[in-house]
Amino acid sequence: METAKNMISNEIERLNELIKKSENKDENIRLKNELLEVLFLINLSKTYHLSQSQIEHIFKIPETNTGYSEFRIINDCESDDPLRWAEVIIDNENVRLNENDIIIKFK
């Protein structure tokens, strides 16, 4: 059975060959974008040590009709009282999400 690394290498090689052979500008752009997506996913996986088997769900923040709204991540501190809740801070910044941002939930 082909390993994941071999499959990825083969896909990159296949896309590169198609790009070289393509004389259609639009097709060439589409193929280059597809190649960039593959490379992006590889980089994302390596940078954050992600594997598909670890991911339970990927959420996309929905669009709202409330104008420009931000979504915040809150630690409820095991309380139903909003006065006890604390906003999550990562790298000395409050985490603020916007419409169409994604959240990856691990298993």
PDB file of N, CA and C in Angstrom:
ATOM      1  N   MET A   1       0.844  -1.185   0.000  1.00  0.00           N
ATOM      2  CA  MET A   1       0.000   0.000   0.000  1.00  0.00           C
ATOM      3  C   MET A   1       0.886   1.244   0.000  1.00  0.00           C
ATOM      4  N   GLU A   2       0.428   2.258  -0.719  1.00  0.00           N
ATOM      5  CA  GLU A   2       1.181   3.494  -0.853  1.00  0.00           C
ATOM      6  C   GLU A   2       1.114   4.301   0.446  1.00  0.00           C
ATOM      7  N   THR A   3       2.262   4.823   0.873  1.00  0.00           N
ATOM      8  CA  THR A   3       2.280   5.628   2.093  1.00  0.00           C
ATOM      9  C   THR A   3       1.736   7.015   1.800  1.00  0.00           C
ATOM     10  N   ALA A   4       1.346   7.710   2.863  1.00  0.00           N
ATOM     11  CA  ALA A   4       0.814   9.068   2.714  1.00  0.00           C
ATOM     12  C   ALA A   4       1.840   9.983   2.051  1.00  0.00           C
ATOM     13  N   LYS A   5       3.123   9.848   2.451  1.00  0.00           N
ATOM     14  CA  LYS A   5       4.161  10.688   1.853  1.00  0.00           C
ATOM     15  C   LYS A   5       4.275  10.437   0.359  1.00  0.00           C
ATOM     16  N   ASN A   6       4.213   9.170  -0.034  1.00  0.00           N
ATOM     17  CA  ASN A   6       4.274   8.844  -1.460  1.00  0.00           C
ATOM     18  C   ASN A   6       3.073   9.393  -2.202  1.00  0.00           C
ATOM     19  N   MET A   7       1.902   9.285  -1.601  1.00  0.00           N
ATOM     20  CA  MET A   7       0.687   9.805  -2.235  1.00  0.00           C
ATOM     21  C   MET A   7       0.790  11.312  -2.440  1.00  0.00           C
ATOM     22  N   ILE A   8       1.268  12.010  -1.433  1.00  0.00           N
ATOM     23  CA  ILE A   8       1.407  13.463  -1.534  1.00  0.00           C
ATOM     24  C   ILE A   8       2.448  13.819  -2.582  1.00  0.00           C
ATOM     25  N   SER A   9       3.590  13.142  -2.554  1.00  0.00           N
ATOM     26  CA  SER A   9       4.640  13.391  -3.547  1.00  0.00           C
ATOM     27  C   SER A   9       4.124  13.143  -4.954  1.00  0.00           C
ATOM     28  N   ASN A  10       3.384  12.059  -5.126  1.00  0.00           N
ATOM     29  CA  ASN A  10       2.824  11.747  -6.441  1.00  0.00           C
ATOM     30  C   ASN A  10       1.820  12.800  -6.895  1.00  0.00           C
ATOM     31  N   GLU A  11       1.010  13.281  -5.978  1.00  0.00           N
ATOM     32  CA  GLU A  11       0.018  14.313  -6.319  1.00  0.00           C
ATOM     33  C   GLU A  11       0.714  15.620  -6.696  1.00  0.00           C
ATOM     34  N   ILE A  12       1.746  15.996  -5.958  1.00  0.00           N
ATOM     35  CA  ILE A  12       2.497  17.206  -6.284  1.00  0.00           C
ATOM     36  C   ILE A  12       3.164  17.061  -7.648  1.00  0.00           C
ATOM     37  N   GLU A  13       3.754  15.911  -7.894  1.00  0.00           N
ATOM     38  CA  GLU A  13       4.400  15.657  -9.187  1.00  0.00           C
ATOM     39  C   GLU A  13       3.378  15.685 -10.323  1.00  0.00           C
ATOM     40  N   ARG A  14       2.223  15.079 -10.088  1.00  0.00           N
ATOM     41  CA  ARG A  14       1.159  15.060 -11.102  1.00  0.00           C
ATOM     42  C   ARG A  14       0.708  16.471 -11.440  1.00  0.00           C
ATOM     43  N   LEU A  15       0.486  17.285 -10.408  1.00  0.00           N
ATOM     44  CA  LEU A  15       0.048  18.666 -10.635  1.00  0.00           C
ATOM     45  C   LEU A  15       1.115  19.472 -11.362  1.00  0.00           C
ATOM     46  N   ASN A  16       2.371  19.293 -10.961  1.00  0.00           N
ATOM     47  CA  ASN A  16       3.460  20.008 -11.631  1.00  0.00           C
ATOM     48  C   ASN A  16       3.541  19.637 -13.106  1.00  0.00           C
ATOM     49  N   GLU A  17       3.374  18.355 -13.428  1.00  0.00           N
ATOM     50  CA  GLU A  17       3.404  17.913 -14.830  1.00  0.00           C
ATOM     51  C   GLU A  17       2.237  18.515 -15.613  1.00  0.00           C
ATOM     52  N   LEU A  18       1.059  18.525 -15.021  1.00  0.00           N
ATOM     53  CA  LEU A  18      -0.100  19.113 -15.687  1.00  0.00           C
ATOM     54  C   LEU A  18       0.099  20.604 -15.928  1.00  0.00           C
ATOM     55  N   ILE A  19       0.710  21.281 -14.953  1.00  0.00           N
ATOM     56  CA  ILE A  19       0.976  22.713 -15.101  1.00  0.00           C
ATOM     57  C   ILE A  19       1.937  22.949 -16.262  1.00  0.00           C
ATOM     58  N   LYS A  20       2.987  22.135 -16.355  1.00  0.00           N
ATOM     59  CA  LYS A  20       3.967  22.273 -17.440  1.00  0.00           C
ATOM     60  C   LYS A  20       3.324  22.060 -18.803  1.00  0.00           C
ATOM     61  N   LYS A  21       2.404  21.100 -18.893  1.00  0.00           N
ATOM     62  CA  LYS A  21       1.797  20.735 -20.174  1.00  0.00           C
ATOM     63  C   LYS A  21       0.645  21.648 -20.568  1.00  0.00           C
ATOM     64  N   SER A  22       0.054  22.313 -19.599  1.00  0.00           N
ATOM     65  CA  SER A  22      -1.140  23.098 -19.864  1.00  0.00           C
ATOM     66  C   SER A  22      -0.808  24.369 -20.645  1.00  0.00           C
ATOM     67  N   GLU A  23      -1.571  24.586 -21.716  1.00  0.00           N
ATOM     68  CA  GLU A  23      -1.418  25.812 -22.492  1.00  0.00           C
ATOM     69  C   GLU A  23      -2.575  26.762 -22.232  1.00  0.00           C
ATOM     70  N   ASN A  24      -3.566  26.281 -21.522  1.00  0.00           N
ATOM     71  CA  ASN A  24      -4.729  27.089 -21.193  1.00  0.00           C
ATOM     72  C   ASN A  24      -4.433  27.873 -19.919  1.00  0.00           C
ATOM     73  N   LYS A  25      -4.465  29.194 -20.021  1.00  0.00           N
ATOM     74  CA  LYS A  25      -4.102  30.062 -18.891  1.00  0.00           C
ATOM     75  C   LYS A  25      -5.000  29.823 -17.676  1.00  0.00           C
ATOM     76  N   ASP A  26      -6.307  29.730 -17.898  1.00  0.00           N
ATOM     77  CA  ASP A  26      -7.237  29.518 -16.784  1.00  0.00           C
ATOM     78  C   ASP A  26      -7.007  28.160 -16.116  1.00  0.00           C
ATOM     79  N   GLU A  27      -6.774  27.143 -16.933  1.00  0.00           N
ATOM     80  CA  GLU A  27      -6.505  25.811 -16.392  1.00  0.00           C
ATOM     81  C   GLU A  27      -5.207  25.804 -15.604  1.00  0.00           C
ATOM     82  N   ASN A  28      -4.212  26.504 -16.118  1.00  0.00           N
ATOM     83  CA  ASN A  28      -2.915  26.603 -15.451  1.00  0.00           C
ATOM     84  C   ASN A  28      -3.071  27.273 -14.081  1.00  0.00           C
ATOM     85  N   ILE A  29      -3.830  28.326 -14.029  1.00  0.00           N
ATOM     86  CA  ILE A  29      -4.075  29.028 -12.757  1.00  0.00           C
ATOM     87  C   ILE A  29      -4.801  28.104 -11.782  1.00  0.00           C
ATOM     88  N   ARG A  30      -5.805  27.364 -12.266  1.00  0.00           N
ATOM     89  CA  ARG A  30      -6.560  26.437 -11.409  1.00  0.00           C
ATOM     90  C   ARG A  30      -5.639  25.361 -10.843  1.00  0.00           C
ATOM     91  N   LEU A  31      -4.775  24.808 -11.702  1.00  0.00           N
ATOM     92  CA  LEU A  31      -3.850  23.768 -11.260  1.00  0.00           C
ATOM     93  C   LEU A  31      -2.843  24.304 -10.249  1.00  0.00           C
ATOM     94  N   LYS A  32      -2.343  25.510 -10.475  1.00  0.00           N
ATOM     95  CA  LYS A  32      -1.402  26.114  -9.526  1.00  0.00           C
ATOM     96  C   LYS A  32      -2.078  26.357  -8.182  1.00  0.00           C
ATOM     97  N   ASN A  33      -3.325  26.791  -8.211  1.00  0.00           N
ATOM     98  CA  ASN A  33      -4.063  26.995  -6.956  1.00  0.00           C
ATOM     99  C   ASN A  33      -4.282  25.670  -6.228  1.00  0.00           C
ATOM    100  N   GLU A  34      -4.568  24.618  -6.984  1.00  0.00           N
ATOM    101  CA  GLU A  34      -4.739  23.293  -6.384  1.00  0.00           C
ATOM    102  C   GLU A  34      -3.431  22.827  -5.737  1.00  0.00           C
ATOM    103  N   LEU A  35      -2.313  23.064  -6.427  1.00  0.00           N
ATOM    104  CA  LEU A  35      -1.008  22.712  -5.877  1.00  0.00           C
ATOM    105  C   LEU A  35      -0.724  23.512  -4.611  1.00  0.00           C
ATOM    106  N   LEU A  36      -1.021  24.797  -4.630  1.00  0.00           N
ATOM    107  CA  LEU A  36      -0.806  25.629  -3.442  1.00  0.00           C
ATOM    108  C   LEU A  36      -1.655  25.154  -2.266  1.00  0.00           C
ATOM    109  N   GLU A  37      -2.878  24.692  -2.544  1.00  0.00           N
ATOM    110  CA  GLU A  37      -3.737  24.165  -1.477  1.00  0.00           C
ATOM    111  C   GLU A  37      -3.123  22.922  -0.850  1.00  0.00           C
ATOM    112  N   VAL A  38      -2.583  22.034  -1.685  1.00  0.00           N
ATOM    113  CA  VAL A  38      -1.944  20.817  -1.168  1.00  0.00           C
ATOM    114  C   VAL A  38      -0.758  21.203  -0.290  1.00  0.00           C
ATOM    115  N   LEU A  39       0.082  22.118  -0.776  1.00  0.00           N
ATOM    116  CA  LEU A  39       1.253  22.541  -0.007  1.00  0.00           C
ATOM    117  C   LEU A  39       0.850  23.257   1.279  1.00  0.00           C
ATOM    118  N   PHE A  40      -0.206  24.056   1.215  1.00  0.00           N
ATOM    119  CA  PHE A  40      -0.706  24.739   2.403  1.00  0.00           C
ATOM    120  C   PHE A  40      -1.152  23.733   3.463  1.00  0.00           C
ATOM    121  N   LEU A  41      -1.906  22.715   3.045  1.00  0.00           N
ATOM    122  CA  LEU A  41      -2.385  21.709   3.996  1.00  0.00           C
ATOM    123  C   LEU A  41      -1.237  20.919   4.606  1.00  0.00           C
ATOM    124  N   ILE A  42      -0.214  20.647   3.804  1.00  0.00           N
ATOM    125  CA  ILE A  42       0.967  19.955   4.334  1.00  0.00           C
ATOM    126  C   ILE A  42       1.636  20.826   5.383  1.00  0.00           C
ATOM    127  N   ASN A  43       1.819  22.105   5.079  1.00  0.00           N
ATOM    128  CA  ASN A  43       2.456  23.033   6.016  1.00  0.00           C
ATOM    129  C   ASN A  43       1.629  23.184   7.295  1.00  0.00           C
ATOM    130  N   LEU A  44       0.333  23.309   7.146  1.00  0.00           N
ATOM    131  CA  LEU A  44      -0.558  23.419   8.299  1.00  0.00           C
ATOM    132  C   LEU A  44      -0.454  22.182   9.181  1.00  0.00           C
ATOM    133  N   SER A  45      -0.451  21.036   8.557  1.00  0.00           N
ATOM    134  CA  SER A  45      -0.343  19.774   9.277  1.00  0.00           C
ATOM    135  C   SER A  45       0.969  19.670  10.040  1.00  0.00           C
ATOM    136  N   LYS A  46       2.065  20.047   9.391  1.00  0.00           N
ATOM    137  CA  LYS A  46       3.377  19.954  10.037  1.00  0.00           C
ATOM    138  C   LYS A  46       3.531  20.998  11.139  1.00  0.00           C
ATOM    139  N   THR A  47       3.101  22.214  10.879  1.00  0.00           N
ATOM    140  CA  THR A  47       3.267  23.305  11.838  1.00  0.00           C
ATOM    141  C   THR A  47       2.504  23.050  13.134  1.00  0.00           C
ATOM    142  N   TYR A  48       1.272  22.562  12.997  1.00  0.00           N
ATOM    143  CA  TYR A  48       0.420  22.377  14.174  1.00  0.00           C
ATOM    144  C   TYR A  48       0.258  20.912  14.568  1.00  0.00           C
ATOM    145  N   HIS A  49       1.043  20.038  13.963  1.00  0.00           N
ATOM    146  CA  HIS A  49       1.019  18.608  14.278  1.00  0.00           C
ATOM    147  C   HIS A  49      -0.409  18.056  14.213  1.00  0.00           C
ATOM    148  N   LEU A  50      -1.073  18.355  13.095  1.00  0.00           N
ATOM    149  CA  LEU A  50      -2.446  17.910  12.888  1.00  0.00           C
ATOM    150  C   LEU A  50      -2.478  16.633  12.071  1.00  0.00           C
ATOM    151  N   SER A  51      -3.392  15.775  12.428  1.00  0.00           N
ATOM    152  CA  SER A  51      -3.690  14.636  11.559  1.00  0.00           C
ATOM    153  C   SER A  51      -5.204  14.510  11.496  1.00  0.00           C
ATOM    154  N   GLN A  52      -5.686  13.999  10.397  1.00  0.00           N
ATOM    155  CA  GLN A  52      -7.127  13.897  10.207  1.00  0.00           C
ATOM    156  C   GLN A  52      -7.786  13.067  11.307  1.00  0.00           C
ATOM    157  N   SER A  53      -7.086  12.061  11.802  1.00  0.00           N
ATOM    158  CA  SER A  53      -7.664  11.192  12.828  1.00  0.00           C
ATOM    159  C   SER A  53      -7.852  11.909  14.169  1.00  0.00           C
ATOM    160  N   GLN A  54      -7.158  13.028  14.368  1.00  0.00           N
ATOM    161  CA  GLN A  54      -7.280  13.783  15.621  1.00  0.00           C
ATOM    162  C   GLN A  54      -8.446  14.764  15.603  1.00  0.00           C
ATOM    163  N   ILE A  55      -8.939  15.091  14.429  1.00  0.00           N
ATOM    164  CA  ILE A  55      -9.949  16.143  14.301  1.00  0.00           C
ATOM    165  C   ILE A  55     -11.344  15.558  14.440  1.00  0.00           C
ATOM    166  N   GLU A  56     -12.094  16.107  15.382  1.00  0.00           N
ATOM    167  CA  GLU A  56     -13.479  15.673  15.566  1.00  0.00           C
ATOM    168  C   GLU A  56     -14.406  16.432  14.627  1.00  0.00           C
ATOM    169  N   HIS A  57     -14.183  17.761  14.522  1.00  0.00           N
ATOM    170  CA  HIS A  57     -15.089  18.580  13.710  1.00  0.00           C
ATOM    171  C   HIS A  57     -14.406  19.892  13.374  1.00  0.00           C
ATOM    172  N   ILE A  58     -14.745  20.435  12.220  1.00  0.00           N
ATOM    173  CA  ILE A  58     -14.289  21.772  11.847  1.00  0.00           C
ATOM    174  C   ILE A  58     -15.528  22.640  11.723  1.00  0.00           C
ATOM    175  N   PHE A  59     -15.556  23.712  12.491  1.00  0.00           N
ATOM    176  CA  PHE A  59     -16.690  24.624  12.507  1.00  0.00           C
ATOM    177  C   PHE A  59     -16.332  25.895  11.746  1.00  0.00           C
ATOM    178  N   LYS A  60     -17.283  26.416  11.011  1.00  0.00           N
ATOM    179  CA  LYS A  60     -17.111  27.714  10.362  1.00  0.00           C
ATOM    180  C   LYS A  60     -18.060  28.685  11.054  1.00  0.00           C
ATOM    181  N   ILE A  61     -17.516  29.813  11.520  1.00  0.00           N
ATOM    182  CA  ILE A  61     -18.352  30.815  12.201  1.00  0.00           C
ATOM    183  C   ILE A  61     -19.370  31.331  11.190  1.00  0.00           C
ATOM    184  N   PRO A  62     -20.657  31.290  11.528  1.00  0.00           N
ATOM    185  CA  PRO A  62     -21.689  31.697  10.562  1.00  0.00           C
ATOM    186  C   PRO A  62     -21.721  33.210  10.353  1.00  0.00           C
ATOM    187  N   GLU A  63     -22.253  33.579   9.205  1.00  0.00           N
ATOM    188  CA  GLU A  63     -22.470  34.997   8.945  1.00  0.00           C
ATOM    189  C   GLU A  63     -23.676  35.447   9.754  1.00  0.00           C
ATOM    190  N   THR A  64     -23.634  36.683  10.204  1.00  0.00           N
ATOM    191  CA  THR A  64     -24.745  37.229  10.982  1.00  0.00           C
ATOM    192  C   THR A  64     -25.295  38.459  10.286  1.00  0.00           C
ATOM    193  N   ASN A  65     -26.454  38.863  10.705  1.00  0.00           N
ATOM    194  CA  ASN A  65     -27.058  40.084  10.165  1.00  0.00           C
ATOM    195  C   ASN A  65     -26.993  41.204  11.198  1.00  0.00           C
ATOM    196  N   THR A  66     -25.982  41.166  12.044  1.00  0.00           N
ATOM    197  CA  THR A  66     -25.892  42.140  13.128  1.00  0.00           C
ATOM    198  C   THR A  66     -24.805  43.178  12.878  1.00  0.00           C
ATOM    199  N   GLY A  67     -24.389  43.321  11.627  1.00  0.00           N
ATOM    200  CA  GLY A  67     -23.297  44.237  11.349  1.00  0.00           C
ATOM    201  C   GLY A  67     -21.980  43.562  11.657  1.00  0.00           C
ATOM    202  N   TYR A  68     -20.974  44.341  11.946  1.00  0.00           N
ATOM    203  CA  TYR A  68     -19.660  43.779  12.226  1.00  0.00           C
ATOM    204  C   TYR A  68     -19.621  43.309  13.668  1.00  0.00           C
ATOM    205  N   SER A  69     -19.696  42.003  13.843  1.00  0.00           N
ATOM    206  CA  SER A  69     -19.675  41.427  15.187  1.00  0.00           C
ATOM    207  C   SER A  69     -18.429  40.575  15.350  1.00  0.00           C
ATOM    208  N   GLU A  70     -17.906  40.535  16.561  1.00  0.00           N
ATOM    209  CA  GLU A  70     -16.798  39.654  16.889  1.00  0.00           C
ATOM    210  C   GLU A  70     -17.323  38.567  17.810  1.00  0.00           C
ATOM    211  N   PHE A  71     -16.709  37.414  17.704  1.00  0.00           N
ATOM    212  CA  PHE A  71     -17.034  36.304  18.586  1.00  0.00           C
ATOM    213  C   PHE A  71     -15.846  36.121  19.512  1.00  0.00           C
ATOM    214  N   ARG A  72     -16.116  35.850  20.762  1.00  0.00           N
ATOM    215  CA  ARG A  72     -15.060  35.710  21.751  1.00  0.00           C
ATOM    216  C   ARG A  72     -15.081  34.307  22.336  1.00  0.00           C
ATOM    217  N   ILE A  73     -13.908  33.840  22.721  1.00  0.00           N
ATOM    218  CA  ILE A  73     -13.817  32.548  23.389  1.00  0.00           C
ATOM    219  C   ILE A  73     -13.751  32.822  24.881  1.00  0.00           C
ATOM    220  N   ILE A  74     -14.665  32.189  25.605  1.00  0.00           N
ATOM    221  CA  ILE A  74     -14.811  32.456  27.032  1.00  0.00           C
ATOM    222  C   ILE A  74     -14.562  31.174  27.831  1.00  0.00           C
ATOM    223  N   ASN A  75     -13.800  31.290  28.905  1.00  0.00           N
ATOM    224  CA  ASN A  75     -13.663  30.215  29.884  1.00  0.00           C
ATOM    225  C   ASN A  75     -14.766  30.456  30.915  1.00  0.00           C
ATOM    226  N   ASP A  76     -15.680  29.501  31.036  1.00  0.00           N
ATOM    227  CA  ASP A  76     -16.810  29.715  31.959  1.00  0.00           C
ATOM    228  C   ASP A  76     -16.442  29.462  33.416  1.00  0.00           C
ATOM    229  N   CYS A  77     -15.200  29.048  33.671  1.00  0.00           N
ATOM    230  CA  CYS A  77     -14.713  28.832  35.045  1.00  0.00           C
ATOM    231  C   CYS A  77     -15.668  27.957  35.858  1.00  0.00           C
ATOM    232  N   GLU A  78     -16.287  27.004  35.187  1.00  0.00           N
ATOM    233  CA  GLU A  78     -17.228  26.068  35.808  1.00  0.00           C
ATOM    234  C   GLU A  78     -18.362  26.774  36.542  1.00  0.00           C
ATOM    235  N   SER A  79     -18.822  27.869  35.933  1.00  0.00           N
ATOM    236  CA  SER A  79     -19.902  28.643  36.536  1.00  0.00           C
ATOM    237  C   SER A  79     -20.903  29.057  35.463  1.00  0.00           C
ATOM    238  N   ASP A  80     -22.170  29.113  35.843  1.00  0.00           N
ATOM    239  CA  ASP A  80     -23.199  29.621  34.937  1.00  0.00           C
ATOM    240  C   ASP A  80     -23.342  31.136  35.064  1.00  0.00           C
ATOM    241  N   ASP A  81     -22.607  31.740  35.967  1.00  0.00           N
ATOM    242  CA  ASP A  81     -22.662  33.180  36.201  1.00  0.00           C
ATOM    243  C   ASP A  81     -21.692  33.901  35.258  1.00  0.00           C
ATOM    244  N   PRO A  82     -22.219  34.653  34.300  1.00  0.00           N
ATOM    245  CA  PRO A  82     -21.349  35.355  33.349  1.00  0.00           C
ATOM    246  C   PRO A  82     -20.341  36.304  34.006  1.00  0.00           C
ATOM    247  N   LEU A  83     -20.624  36.758  35.211  1.00  0.00           N
ATOM    248  CA  LEU A  83     -19.690  37.657  35.896  1.00  0.00           C
ATOM    249  C   LEU A  83     -18.400  36.945  36.295  1.00  0.00           C
ATOM    250  N   ARG A  84     -18.452  35.623  36.362  1.00  0.00           N
ATOM    251  CA  ARG A  84     -17.263  34.851  36.740  1.00  0.00           C
ATOM    252  C   ARG A  84     -16.467  34.363  35.523  1.00  0.00           C
ATOM    253  N   TRP A  85     -17.007  34.571  34.326  1.00  0.00           N
ATOM    254  CA  TRP A  85     -16.371  34.088  33.116  1.00  0.00           C
ATOM    255  C   TRP A  85     -15.139  34.935  32.790  1.00  0.00           C
ATOM    256  N   ALA A  86     -14.184  34.320  32.130  1.00  0.00           N
ATOM    257  CA  ALA A  86     -12.955  35.018  31.736  1.00  0.00           C
ATOM    258  C   ALA A  86     -12.701  34.802  30.246  1.00  0.00           C
ATOM    259  N   GLU A  87     -12.369  35.879  29.570  1.00  0.00           N
ATOM    260  CA  GLU A  87     -12.069  35.777  28.139  1.00  0.00           C
ATOM    261  C   GLU A  87     -10.708  35.110  27.955  1.00  0.00           C
ATOM    262  N   VAL A  88     -10.605  34.219  26.982  1.00  0.00           N
ATOM    263  CA  VAL A  88      -9.365  33.495  26.721  1.00  0.00           C
ATOM    264  C   VAL A  88      -8.326  34.434  26.111  1.00  0.00           C
ATOM    265  N   ILE A  89      -7.107  34.366  26.658  1.00  0.00           N
ATOM    266  CA  ILE A  89      -5.995  35.174  26.160  1.00  0.00           C
ATOM    267  C   ILE A  89      -4.893  34.217  25.698  1.00  0.00           C
ATOM    268  N   ILE A  90      -4.448  34.403  24.452  1.00  0.00           N
ATOM    269  CA  ILE A  90      -3.358  33.614  23.886  1.00  0.00           C
ATOM    270  C   ILE A  90      -2.323  34.585  23.343  1.00  0.00           C
ATOM    271  N   ASP A  91      -1.059  34.382  23.699  1.00  0.00           N
ATOM    272  CA  ASP A  91       0.030  35.273  23.276  1.00  0.00           C
ATOM    273  C   ASP A  91      -0.284  36.732  23.637  1.00  0.00           C
ATOM    274  N   ASN A  92      -0.794  36.925  24.846  1.00  0.00           N
ATOM    275  CA  ASN A  92      -1.106  38.257  25.386  1.00  0.00           C
ATOM    276  C   ASN A  92      -2.179  39.008  24.597  1.00  0.00           C
ATOM    277  N   GLU A  93      -3.019  38.288  23.871  1.00  0.00           N
ATOM    278  CA  GLU A  93      -4.109  38.916  23.129  1.00  0.00           C
ATOM    279  C   GLU A  93      -5.397  38.142  23.359  1.00  0.00           C
ATOM    280  N   ASN A  94      -6.496  38.891  23.494  1.00  0.00           N
ATOM    281  CA  ASN A  94      -7.799  38.251  23.561  1.00  0.00           C
ATOM    282  C   ASN A  94      -8.078  37.619  22.200  1.00  0.00           C
ATOM    283  N   VAL A  95      -8.634  36.417  22.215  1.00  0.00           N
ATOM    284  CA  VAL A  95      -8.945  35.734  20.973  1.00  0.00           C
ATOM    285  C   VAL A  95     -10.281  36.261  20.469  1.00  0.00           C
ATOM    286  N   ARG A  96     -10.254  36.860  19.283  1.00  0.00           N
ATOM    287  CA  ARG A  96     -11.472  37.390  18.669  1.00  0.00           C
ATOM    288  C   ARG A  96     -11.652  36.717  17.319  1.00  0.00           C
ATOM    289  N   LEU A  97     -12.836  36.186  17.094  1.00  0.00           N
ATOM    290  CA  LEU A  97     -13.155  35.519  15.831  1.00  0.00           C
ATOM    291  C   LEU A  97     -14.179  36.347  15.067  1.00  0.00           C
ATOM    292  N   ASN A  98     -14.180  36.169  13.765  1.00  0.00           N
ATOM    293  CA  ASN A  98     -15.115  36.884  12.905  1.00  0.00           C
ATOM    294  C   ASN A  98     -15.867  35.893  12.035  1.00  0.00           C
ATOM    295  N   GLU A  99     -16.882  36.394  11.334  1.00  0.00           N
ATOM    296  CA  GLU A  99     -17.634  35.549  10.417  1.00  0.00           C
ATOM    297  C   GLU A  99     -16.668  34.847   9.471  1.00  0.00           C
ATOM    298  N   ASN A 100     -16.961  33.595   9.180  1.00  0.00           N
ATOM    299  CA  ASN A 100     -16.205  32.756   8.245  1.00  0.00           C
ATOM    300  C   ASN A 100     -14.861  32.276   8.784  1.00  0.00           C
ATOM    301  N   ASP A 101     -14.463  32.654  10.005  1.00  0.00           N
ATOM    302  CA  ASP A 101     -13.289  32.039  10.614  1.00  0.00           C
ATOM    303  C   ASP A 101     -13.652  30.596  10.924  1.00  0.00           C
ATOM    304  N   ILE A 102     -12.632  29.768  11.081  1.00  0.00           N
ATOM    305  CA  ILE A 102     -12.921  28.370  11.401  1.00  0.00           C
ATOM    306  C   ILE A 102     -12.315  28.002  12.748  1.00  0.00           C
ATOM    307  N   ILE A 103     -12.911  27.005  13.359  1.00  0.00           N
ATOM    308  CA  ILE A 103     -12.425  26.439  14.620  1.00  0.00           C
ATOM    309  C   ILE A 103     -12.255  24.937  14.385  1.00  0.00           C
ATOM    310  N   ILE A 104     -11.117  24.413  14.770  1.00  0.00           N
ATOM    311  CA  ILE A 104     -10.868  22.982  14.642  1.00  0.00           C
ATOM    312  C   ILE A 104     -10.982  22.370  16.031  1.00  0.00           C
ATOM    313  N   LYS A 105     -11.901  21.439  16.196  1.00  0.00           N
ATOM    314  CA  LYS A 105     -12.100  20.764  17.480  1.00  0.00           C
ATOM    315  C   LYS A 105     -11.450  19.389  17.415  1.00  0.00           C
ATOM    316  N   PHE A 106     -10.562  19.125  18.360  1.00  0.00           N
ATOM    317  CA  PHE A 106      -9.890  17.839  18.419  1.00  0.00           C
ATOM    318  C   PHE A 106     -10.712  16.840  19.208  1.00  0.00           C
ATOM    319  N   LYS A 107     -10.449  15.566  18.953  1.00  0.00           N
ATOM    320  CA  LYS A 107     -11.146  14.492  19.671  1.00  0.00           C
ATOM    321  C   LYS A 107     -10.667  14.431  21.093  1.00  0.00           C
TER     322      LYS A 107
END
